Each structure stands twice: as structure tokens, then as C-alpha cells.
N, C-alpha and C. Protein backbone atom coordinates (compact mmCIF):
# COMPACT_ATOMS: atom_id res chain seq x y z
N MET A 1 2.05 158.47 -203.77
CA MET A 1 3.13 158.51 -204.71
C MET A 1 2.61 158.51 -206.14
N ILE A 2 1.62 157.64 -206.41
CA ILE A 2 1.04 157.57 -207.74
C ILE A 2 0.34 158.88 -208.08
N GLN A 3 -0.36 159.47 -207.10
CA GLN A 3 -1.04 160.75 -207.35
C GLN A 3 -0.04 161.84 -207.66
N LEU A 4 1.09 161.87 -206.98
CA LEU A 4 2.12 162.88 -207.21
C LEU A 4 2.71 162.71 -208.61
N ARG A 5 2.97 161.45 -209.00
CA ARG A 5 3.50 161.18 -210.33
C ARG A 5 2.49 161.62 -211.40
N THR A 6 1.21 161.32 -211.21
CA THR A 6 0.17 161.73 -212.15
C THR A 6 0.09 163.25 -212.23
N LEU A 7 0.19 163.92 -211.11
CA LEU A 7 0.16 165.38 -211.07
C LEU A 7 1.35 165.96 -211.83
N LEU A 8 2.54 165.40 -211.62
CA LEU A 8 3.73 165.89 -212.31
C LEU A 8 3.63 165.66 -213.82
N ILE A 9 3.18 164.51 -214.22
CA ILE A 9 3.03 164.21 -215.65
C ILE A 9 2.00 165.15 -216.27
N SER A 10 0.91 165.37 -215.59
CA SER A 10 -0.13 166.28 -216.09
C SER A 10 0.42 167.70 -216.22
N SER A 11 1.24 168.12 -215.26
CA SER A 11 1.83 169.46 -215.31
C SER A 11 2.77 169.61 -216.50
N VAL A 12 3.58 168.59 -216.74
CA VAL A 12 4.51 168.62 -217.88
C VAL A 12 3.73 168.67 -219.19
N ILE A 13 2.70 167.88 -219.30
CA ILE A 13 1.88 167.87 -220.52
C ILE A 13 1.21 169.23 -220.72
N ALA A 14 0.66 169.80 -219.67
CA ALA A 14 0.01 171.11 -219.77
C ALA A 14 1.02 172.20 -220.17
N ALA A 15 2.20 172.16 -219.59
CA ALA A 15 3.23 173.15 -219.93
C ALA A 15 3.65 173.01 -221.39
N THR A 16 3.82 171.77 -221.85
CA THR A 16 4.21 171.53 -223.23
C THR A 16 3.14 172.03 -224.19
N LEU A 17 1.90 171.75 -223.90
CA LEU A 17 0.80 172.23 -224.74
C LEU A 17 0.74 173.75 -224.76
N GLY A 18 0.97 174.36 -223.61
CA GLY A 18 0.96 175.82 -223.53
C GLY A 18 2.07 176.44 -224.37
N LEU A 19 3.27 175.87 -224.30
CA LEU A 19 4.39 176.38 -225.11
C LEU A 19 4.13 176.17 -226.59
N THR A 20 3.56 175.04 -226.94
CA THR A 20 3.24 174.77 -228.34
C THR A 20 2.22 175.78 -228.85
N ALA A 21 1.23 176.09 -228.05
CA ALA A 21 0.21 177.07 -228.45
C ALA A 21 0.83 178.45 -228.62
N CYS A 22 1.71 178.85 -227.71
CA CYS A 22 2.39 180.15 -227.83
C CYS A 22 3.25 180.19 -229.07
N SER A 23 3.99 179.12 -229.33
CA SER A 23 4.85 179.06 -230.50
C SER A 23 4.03 179.15 -231.78
N SER A 24 2.92 178.45 -231.84
CA SER A 24 2.05 178.49 -233.01
C SER A 24 1.48 179.87 -233.21
N ALA A 25 1.10 180.53 -232.14
CA ALA A 25 0.55 181.88 -232.25
C ALA A 25 1.60 182.84 -232.78
N MET A 26 2.85 182.72 -232.31
CA MET A 26 3.91 183.59 -232.78
C MET A 26 4.21 183.33 -234.24
N MET A 27 4.22 182.09 -234.66
CA MET A 27 4.47 181.76 -236.05
C MET A 27 3.35 182.29 -236.93
N GLY A 28 2.13 182.30 -236.44
CA GLY A 28 1.00 182.79 -237.21
C GLY A 28 1.09 184.28 -237.49
N ASN A 29 1.90 185.01 -236.73
CA ASN A 29 2.06 186.45 -236.93
C ASN A 29 3.34 186.79 -237.67
N THR A 30 4.04 185.80 -238.17
CA THR A 30 5.26 186.01 -238.93
C THR A 30 5.03 185.59 -240.37
N THR A 31 5.42 186.47 -241.28
CA THR A 31 5.25 186.21 -242.70
C THR A 31 6.60 186.05 -243.36
N ALA A 32 6.76 184.99 -244.13
CA ALA A 32 8.01 184.75 -244.87
C ALA A 32 7.99 185.57 -246.15
N ILE A 33 9.13 186.19 -246.44
CA ILE A 33 9.30 187.02 -247.63
C ILE A 33 10.52 186.48 -248.38
N SER A 34 10.44 186.41 -249.71
CA SER A 34 11.59 185.93 -250.47
C SER A 34 11.70 186.66 -251.80
N ALA A 35 12.85 186.53 -252.42
CA ALA A 35 13.09 187.08 -253.75
C ALA A 35 14.27 186.37 -254.38
N LYS A 36 14.21 186.18 -255.68
CA LYS A 36 15.33 185.67 -256.46
C LYS A 36 15.93 186.87 -257.19
N LEU A 37 17.22 187.11 -256.95
CA LEU A 37 17.90 188.26 -257.54
C LEU A 37 18.65 187.84 -258.80
N SER A 38 18.49 188.64 -259.86
CA SER A 38 19.22 188.38 -261.11
C SER A 38 19.43 189.71 -261.83
N SER A 39 20.34 189.69 -262.80
CA SER A 39 20.61 190.89 -263.60
C SER A 39 19.44 191.18 -264.54
N ALA A 40 18.70 190.16 -264.94
CA ALA A 40 17.55 190.36 -265.83
C ALA A 40 16.45 191.16 -265.16
N ASN A 41 16.39 191.13 -263.81
CA ASN A 41 15.36 191.88 -263.08
C ASN A 41 15.71 193.35 -262.90
N GLU A 42 16.97 193.72 -263.17
CA GLU A 42 17.37 195.13 -263.05
C GLU A 42 16.66 195.95 -264.12
N VAL A 43 16.45 197.24 -263.82
CA VAL A 43 15.82 198.16 -264.78
C VAL A 43 16.76 199.34 -264.95
N PRO A 44 17.52 199.39 -266.08
CA PRO A 44 17.54 198.42 -267.18
C PRO A 44 18.35 197.18 -266.81
N ALA A 45 18.08 196.09 -267.53
CA ALA A 45 18.79 194.83 -267.31
C ALA A 45 20.25 194.98 -267.71
N ASN A 46 21.10 194.13 -267.15
CA ASN A 46 22.51 194.11 -267.53
C ASN A 46 22.93 192.67 -267.80
N SER A 47 24.19 192.48 -268.16
CA SER A 47 24.64 191.14 -268.58
C SER A 47 25.35 190.35 -267.49
N SER A 48 25.28 190.76 -266.25
CA SER A 48 25.95 190.05 -265.16
C SER A 48 25.42 188.62 -265.04
N ALA A 49 26.33 187.72 -264.71
CA ALA A 49 25.95 186.32 -264.45
C ALA A 49 25.62 186.11 -262.98
N GLY A 50 25.67 187.18 -262.18
CA GLY A 50 25.42 187.07 -260.75
C GLY A 50 23.99 186.67 -260.43
N THR A 51 23.84 186.00 -259.29
CA THR A 51 22.52 185.61 -258.79
C THR A 51 22.49 185.82 -257.28
N GLY A 52 21.30 185.85 -256.74
CA GLY A 52 21.17 186.00 -255.30
C GLY A 52 19.80 185.58 -254.82
N MET A 53 19.65 185.59 -253.51
CA MET A 53 18.39 185.17 -252.88
C MET A 53 18.15 185.99 -251.62
N LEU A 54 16.94 186.46 -251.46
CA LEU A 54 16.48 187.08 -250.22
C LEU A 54 15.65 186.08 -249.46
N ASP A 55 15.97 185.89 -248.20
CA ASP A 55 15.17 185.07 -247.29
C ASP A 55 14.90 185.95 -246.08
N ALA A 56 13.64 186.33 -245.88
CA ALA A 56 13.31 187.27 -244.82
C ALA A 56 12.04 186.84 -244.10
N SER A 57 11.84 187.44 -242.93
CA SER A 57 10.59 187.24 -242.19
C SER A 57 10.15 188.58 -241.62
N PHE A 58 8.85 188.78 -241.62
CA PHE A 58 8.27 190.00 -241.07
C PHE A 58 7.32 189.63 -239.96
N ASN A 59 7.58 190.16 -238.76
CA ASN A 59 6.73 189.90 -237.60
C ASN A 59 5.66 190.99 -237.55
N LYS A 60 4.41 190.61 -237.75
CA LYS A 60 3.31 191.57 -237.79
C LYS A 60 3.02 192.19 -236.43
N ASP A 61 3.39 191.52 -235.35
CA ASP A 61 3.16 192.06 -234.01
C ASP A 61 4.16 193.16 -233.66
N THR A 62 5.41 192.96 -234.05
CA THR A 62 6.47 193.90 -233.68
C THR A 62 6.89 194.81 -234.83
N SER A 63 6.44 194.51 -236.04
CA SER A 63 6.82 195.23 -237.26
C SER A 63 8.31 195.11 -237.57
N VAL A 64 8.94 194.04 -237.09
CA VAL A 64 10.36 193.83 -237.34
C VAL A 64 10.55 192.94 -238.56
N LEU A 65 11.34 193.45 -239.51
CA LEU A 65 11.75 192.69 -240.69
C LEU A 65 13.17 192.20 -240.45
N THR A 66 13.40 190.91 -240.62
CA THR A 66 14.72 190.31 -240.47
C THR A 66 15.06 189.65 -241.80
N TRP A 67 16.29 189.88 -242.31
CA TRP A 67 16.62 189.37 -243.63
C TRP A 67 18.02 188.79 -243.69
N THR A 68 18.17 187.91 -244.69
CA THR A 68 19.45 187.38 -245.11
C THR A 68 19.46 187.42 -246.64
N VAL A 69 20.48 188.05 -247.21
CA VAL A 69 20.65 188.09 -248.66
C VAL A 69 21.95 187.36 -248.98
N THR A 70 21.85 186.34 -249.81
CA THR A 70 23.03 185.61 -250.27
C THR A 70 23.19 185.87 -251.76
N TYR A 71 24.43 185.84 -252.22
CA TYR A 71 24.68 186.09 -253.64
C TYR A 71 26.00 185.46 -254.06
N SER A 72 26.17 185.33 -255.38
CA SER A 72 27.42 184.82 -255.94
C SER A 72 27.51 185.26 -257.39
N GLY A 73 28.74 185.21 -257.92
CA GLY A 73 28.96 185.45 -259.34
C GLY A 73 28.91 186.90 -259.78
N LEU A 74 29.01 187.84 -258.86
CA LEU A 74 28.95 189.25 -259.24
C LEU A 74 30.26 189.70 -259.87
N THR A 75 30.24 190.85 -260.54
CA THR A 75 31.42 191.37 -261.22
C THR A 75 32.47 191.90 -260.25
N GLY A 76 32.10 192.09 -259.01
CA GLY A 76 33.02 192.58 -257.99
C GLY A 76 32.33 192.66 -256.66
N PRO A 77 33.00 193.23 -255.66
CA PRO A 77 32.40 193.35 -254.33
C PRO A 77 31.14 194.21 -254.34
N VAL A 78 30.22 193.89 -253.46
CA VAL A 78 29.01 194.70 -253.30
C VAL A 78 29.40 195.99 -252.58
N ALA A 79 29.08 197.11 -253.21
CA ALA A 79 29.37 198.42 -252.62
C ALA A 79 28.21 198.88 -251.74
N MET A 80 26.99 198.58 -252.17
CA MET A 80 25.77 198.96 -251.44
C MET A 80 24.68 197.94 -251.71
N GLY A 81 23.76 197.84 -250.76
CA GLY A 81 22.58 197.01 -250.94
C GLY A 81 21.41 197.68 -250.25
N HIS A 82 20.22 197.53 -250.85
CA HIS A 82 19.04 198.21 -250.32
C HIS A 82 17.76 197.43 -250.60
N PHE A 83 16.75 197.77 -249.81
CA PHE A 83 15.36 197.54 -250.19
C PHE A 83 14.90 198.85 -250.82
N HIS A 84 14.24 198.77 -251.96
CA HIS A 84 13.68 199.94 -252.63
C HIS A 84 12.16 199.81 -252.67
N GLY A 85 11.49 200.93 -252.70
CA GLY A 85 10.04 200.88 -252.84
C GLY A 85 9.41 202.23 -252.56
N PRO A 86 8.14 202.36 -252.80
CA PRO A 86 7.27 201.34 -253.40
C PRO A 86 7.41 201.30 -254.91
N ALA A 87 7.50 200.10 -255.45
CA ALA A 87 7.58 199.89 -256.89
C ALA A 87 7.25 198.44 -257.20
N MET A 88 6.53 198.26 -258.27
CA MET A 88 6.26 196.92 -258.75
C MET A 88 7.41 196.48 -259.64
N ALA A 89 7.47 195.21 -259.98
CA ALA A 89 8.51 194.68 -260.86
C ALA A 89 8.52 195.50 -262.16
N GLY A 90 9.72 195.81 -262.63
CA GLY A 90 9.85 196.55 -263.89
C GLY A 90 9.92 198.05 -263.73
N THR A 91 9.72 198.55 -262.51
CA THR A 91 9.81 199.99 -262.26
C THR A 91 10.80 200.23 -261.13
N ASN A 92 11.36 201.42 -261.11
CA ASN A 92 12.35 201.78 -260.10
C ASN A 92 11.74 202.69 -259.04
N ALA A 93 12.36 202.67 -257.85
CA ALA A 93 11.93 203.53 -256.75
C ALA A 93 13.15 203.88 -255.91
N GLY A 94 12.99 204.81 -255.01
CA GLY A 94 14.05 205.21 -254.12
C GLY A 94 14.30 204.16 -253.04
N VAL A 95 15.35 204.40 -252.28
CA VAL A 95 15.71 203.50 -251.19
C VAL A 95 14.68 203.60 -250.08
N ALA A 96 14.14 202.47 -249.68
CA ALA A 96 13.21 202.41 -248.56
C ALA A 96 13.95 202.03 -247.27
N LEU A 97 14.99 201.20 -247.43
CA LEU A 97 15.74 200.71 -246.27
C LEU A 97 17.09 200.21 -246.76
N GLY A 98 18.17 200.82 -246.26
CA GLY A 98 19.50 200.41 -246.67
C GLY A 98 20.07 199.33 -245.78
N PHE A 99 21.01 198.58 -246.33
CA PHE A 99 21.74 197.58 -245.56
C PHE A 99 22.94 198.26 -244.91
N SER A 100 23.32 197.80 -243.74
CA SER A 100 24.50 198.34 -243.08
C SER A 100 25.41 197.18 -242.67
N GLY A 101 26.64 197.51 -242.33
CA GLY A 101 27.59 196.47 -241.95
C GLY A 101 28.23 195.87 -243.18
N SER A 102 28.72 194.66 -243.03
CA SER A 102 29.42 193.98 -244.11
C SER A 102 28.48 193.69 -245.28
N MET A 103 28.99 193.91 -246.48
CA MET A 103 28.22 193.59 -247.68
C MET A 103 28.64 192.25 -248.26
N ASP A 104 29.50 191.52 -247.53
CA ASP A 104 29.88 190.18 -247.95
C ASP A 104 28.68 189.24 -247.79
N SER A 105 28.59 188.26 -248.68
CA SER A 105 27.51 187.28 -248.59
C SER A 105 27.79 186.32 -247.43
N PRO A 106 26.81 186.10 -246.57
CA PRO A 106 25.44 186.61 -246.55
C PRO A 106 25.33 187.98 -245.85
N ILE A 107 24.49 188.82 -246.41
CA ILE A 107 24.18 190.11 -245.79
C ILE A 107 23.00 189.87 -244.86
N LYS A 108 23.17 190.20 -243.59
CA LYS A 108 22.10 189.98 -242.61
C LYS A 108 21.74 191.29 -241.94
N GLY A 109 20.47 191.43 -241.59
CA GLY A 109 20.06 192.62 -240.87
C GLY A 109 18.63 192.53 -240.41
N SER A 110 18.22 193.56 -239.69
CA SER A 110 16.83 193.67 -239.25
C SER A 110 16.52 195.13 -239.00
N ALA A 111 15.24 195.46 -239.09
CA ALA A 111 14.79 196.84 -238.87
C ALA A 111 13.32 196.81 -238.52
N THR A 112 12.91 197.81 -237.77
CA THR A 112 11.49 198.00 -237.47
C THR A 112 10.90 198.90 -238.55
N LEU A 113 9.84 198.42 -239.20
CA LEU A 113 9.21 199.15 -240.29
C LEU A 113 8.07 200.03 -239.79
N THR A 114 7.82 201.10 -240.52
CA THR A 114 6.63 201.91 -240.26
C THR A 114 5.42 201.17 -240.82
N ALA A 115 4.25 201.61 -240.48
CA ALA A 115 3.03 200.98 -240.99
C ALA A 115 2.97 201.07 -242.51
N ALA A 116 3.37 202.20 -243.08
CA ALA A 116 3.36 202.37 -244.54
C ALA A 116 4.38 201.45 -245.20
N GLN A 117 5.57 201.35 -244.62
CA GLN A 117 6.59 200.44 -245.17
C GLN A 117 6.11 199.00 -245.13
N ALA A 118 5.52 198.60 -244.01
CA ALA A 118 5.01 197.23 -243.87
C ALA A 118 3.94 196.93 -244.91
N ALA A 119 3.05 197.88 -245.12
CA ALA A 119 1.98 197.69 -246.10
C ALA A 119 2.56 197.51 -247.50
N ASP A 120 3.54 198.34 -247.86
CA ASP A 120 4.17 198.21 -249.18
C ASP A 120 4.91 196.88 -249.32
N LEU A 121 5.66 196.50 -248.30
CA LEU A 121 6.38 195.23 -248.34
C LEU A 121 5.43 194.06 -248.55
N LEU A 122 4.39 194.00 -247.74
CA LEU A 122 3.45 192.87 -247.81
C LEU A 122 2.62 192.88 -249.09
N ALA A 123 2.53 194.04 -249.75
CA ALA A 123 1.81 194.13 -251.03
C ALA A 123 2.72 193.83 -252.21
N GLY A 124 3.99 193.46 -251.95
CA GLY A 124 4.91 193.12 -253.02
C GLY A 124 5.50 194.33 -253.72
N LYS A 125 5.52 195.48 -253.04
CA LYS A 125 6.00 196.73 -253.65
C LYS A 125 7.42 197.11 -253.23
N TRP A 126 8.16 196.17 -252.70
CA TRP A 126 9.58 196.40 -252.39
C TRP A 126 10.43 195.45 -253.21
N TYR A 127 11.62 195.90 -253.57
CA TYR A 127 12.58 195.02 -254.20
C TYR A 127 13.95 195.21 -253.55
N VAL A 128 14.79 194.22 -253.73
CA VAL A 128 16.16 194.24 -253.21
C VAL A 128 17.09 194.39 -254.39
N ASN A 129 18.08 195.28 -254.27
CA ASN A 129 19.13 195.24 -255.27
C ASN A 129 20.49 195.48 -254.65
N LEU A 130 21.49 194.90 -255.32
CA LEU A 130 22.87 194.99 -254.88
C LEU A 130 23.66 195.73 -255.95
N HIS A 131 24.47 196.69 -255.50
CA HIS A 131 25.23 197.56 -256.39
C HIS A 131 26.71 197.19 -256.33
N THR A 132 27.38 197.22 -257.48
CA THR A 132 28.83 197.01 -257.55
C THR A 132 29.44 198.18 -258.31
N ALA A 133 30.77 198.25 -258.33
CA ALA A 133 31.46 199.32 -259.06
C ALA A 133 31.13 199.26 -260.55
N ALA A 134 31.03 198.06 -261.10
CA ALA A 134 30.74 197.90 -262.53
C ALA A 134 29.27 198.19 -262.86
N ASN A 135 28.41 198.05 -261.88
CA ASN A 135 26.97 198.27 -262.08
C ASN A 135 26.46 199.15 -260.94
N LYS A 136 26.78 200.44 -261.04
CA LYS A 136 26.47 201.39 -259.97
C LYS A 136 24.97 201.51 -259.71
N GLY A 137 24.14 201.33 -260.73
CA GLY A 137 22.69 201.41 -260.58
C GLY A 137 22.07 200.15 -260.02
N GLY A 138 22.86 199.10 -259.95
CA GLY A 138 22.39 197.83 -259.44
C GLY A 138 22.80 196.70 -260.36
N GLU A 139 23.40 195.66 -259.80
CA GLU A 139 23.83 194.53 -260.61
C GLU A 139 22.81 193.41 -260.62
N ILE A 140 22.23 193.11 -259.46
CA ILE A 140 21.17 192.10 -259.40
C ILE A 140 20.03 192.64 -258.55
N ARG A 141 18.84 192.20 -258.90
CA ARG A 141 17.63 192.71 -258.24
C ARG A 141 16.59 191.59 -258.18
N GLY A 142 15.74 191.67 -257.13
CA GLY A 142 14.64 190.74 -257.00
C GLY A 142 13.48 191.36 -256.29
N GLN A 143 12.26 191.10 -256.75
CA GLN A 143 11.05 191.63 -256.13
C GLN A 143 10.74 190.82 -254.88
N ALA A 144 10.59 191.51 -253.74
CA ALA A 144 10.29 190.84 -252.47
C ALA A 144 8.80 190.50 -252.44
N THR A 145 8.50 189.22 -252.28
CA THR A 145 7.10 188.79 -252.25
C THR A 145 6.86 187.86 -251.07
N VAL A 146 5.63 187.81 -250.65
CA VAL A 146 5.24 186.89 -249.58
C VAL A 146 5.43 185.47 -250.11
N ALA A 147 6.20 184.67 -249.38
CA ALA A 147 6.49 183.30 -249.80
C ALA A 147 5.28 182.42 -249.58
N ASN A 148 5.06 181.50 -250.49
CA ASN A 148 3.92 180.57 -250.37
C ASN A 148 4.32 179.33 -249.64
């Protein structure tokens, strides 16, 4: 009976350690990406009091980017939202990946990136911007960077 109990306890410990190792390995291949969105970051800047935040993760094994964009204080409803790139802060670029579905905060989505898109994203060459009727070129914007 004692040997069976010891065997069961050892099995549970081994399974727990195995799951912990798998979880750690998966986390090691996921990179957090973030951005603070503001009207001052738009090119050209505008006078909106709106603000926002990108909270995203990129899985290097699957090339899947998953994001949540929250915002408040905009001049009106968001008409469109996108990731743009490649471009560094202060410069504009075309749409790299558009948002679909509801544009109400929070905007959530995911997509599988190409190798070139992943490289640009991880190099800080993508930005997020949200467009409204009053600011068709973009009301708030933030440079997507690897979170520390």
C-alpha cells in the first residue's frame, strides 16, 4: 500500500513538472507587443483627446499574432483600424493587417503573419491606428514594440 501511494505521488509530481516545463517552453516562444495610442503620434498630429492601448502577443512557433486594442475619448465611432508597416515612428506606411468585426472597444483579433510581416513587427516597424469620420487619416496611433 505504501509503495502504491509513493508511486502515485511520484507520478503526480512527474506529470506536474512535465506540464510546467511545456508551459514554460510555450511562454518562451511568445513575445508580448504593446503600444500607447495618442493623437500626438499621428502623422500629421491632430488635436484629439483620445487615447488607446495595444496589448498583443506573437507566437514565434505558429506565427500567430493575437491582439486587443482598447481606446476612449475619440471624436466619434471608429470606422477602421489597422496595423500599418513597415514604418518607424514619425513615418507613414500602408496597411499591413486590417481589423475586422466590431470596432467597439475592445477590438480583438488574431492573424497568422508571413515571415516578412513577423520580422517587421518584431523590429518595431508596425504601428496601430484608429480612424474616425472626423480624422479619416487616423485619430490615434501607436508604434507596436516588443514589451519589456
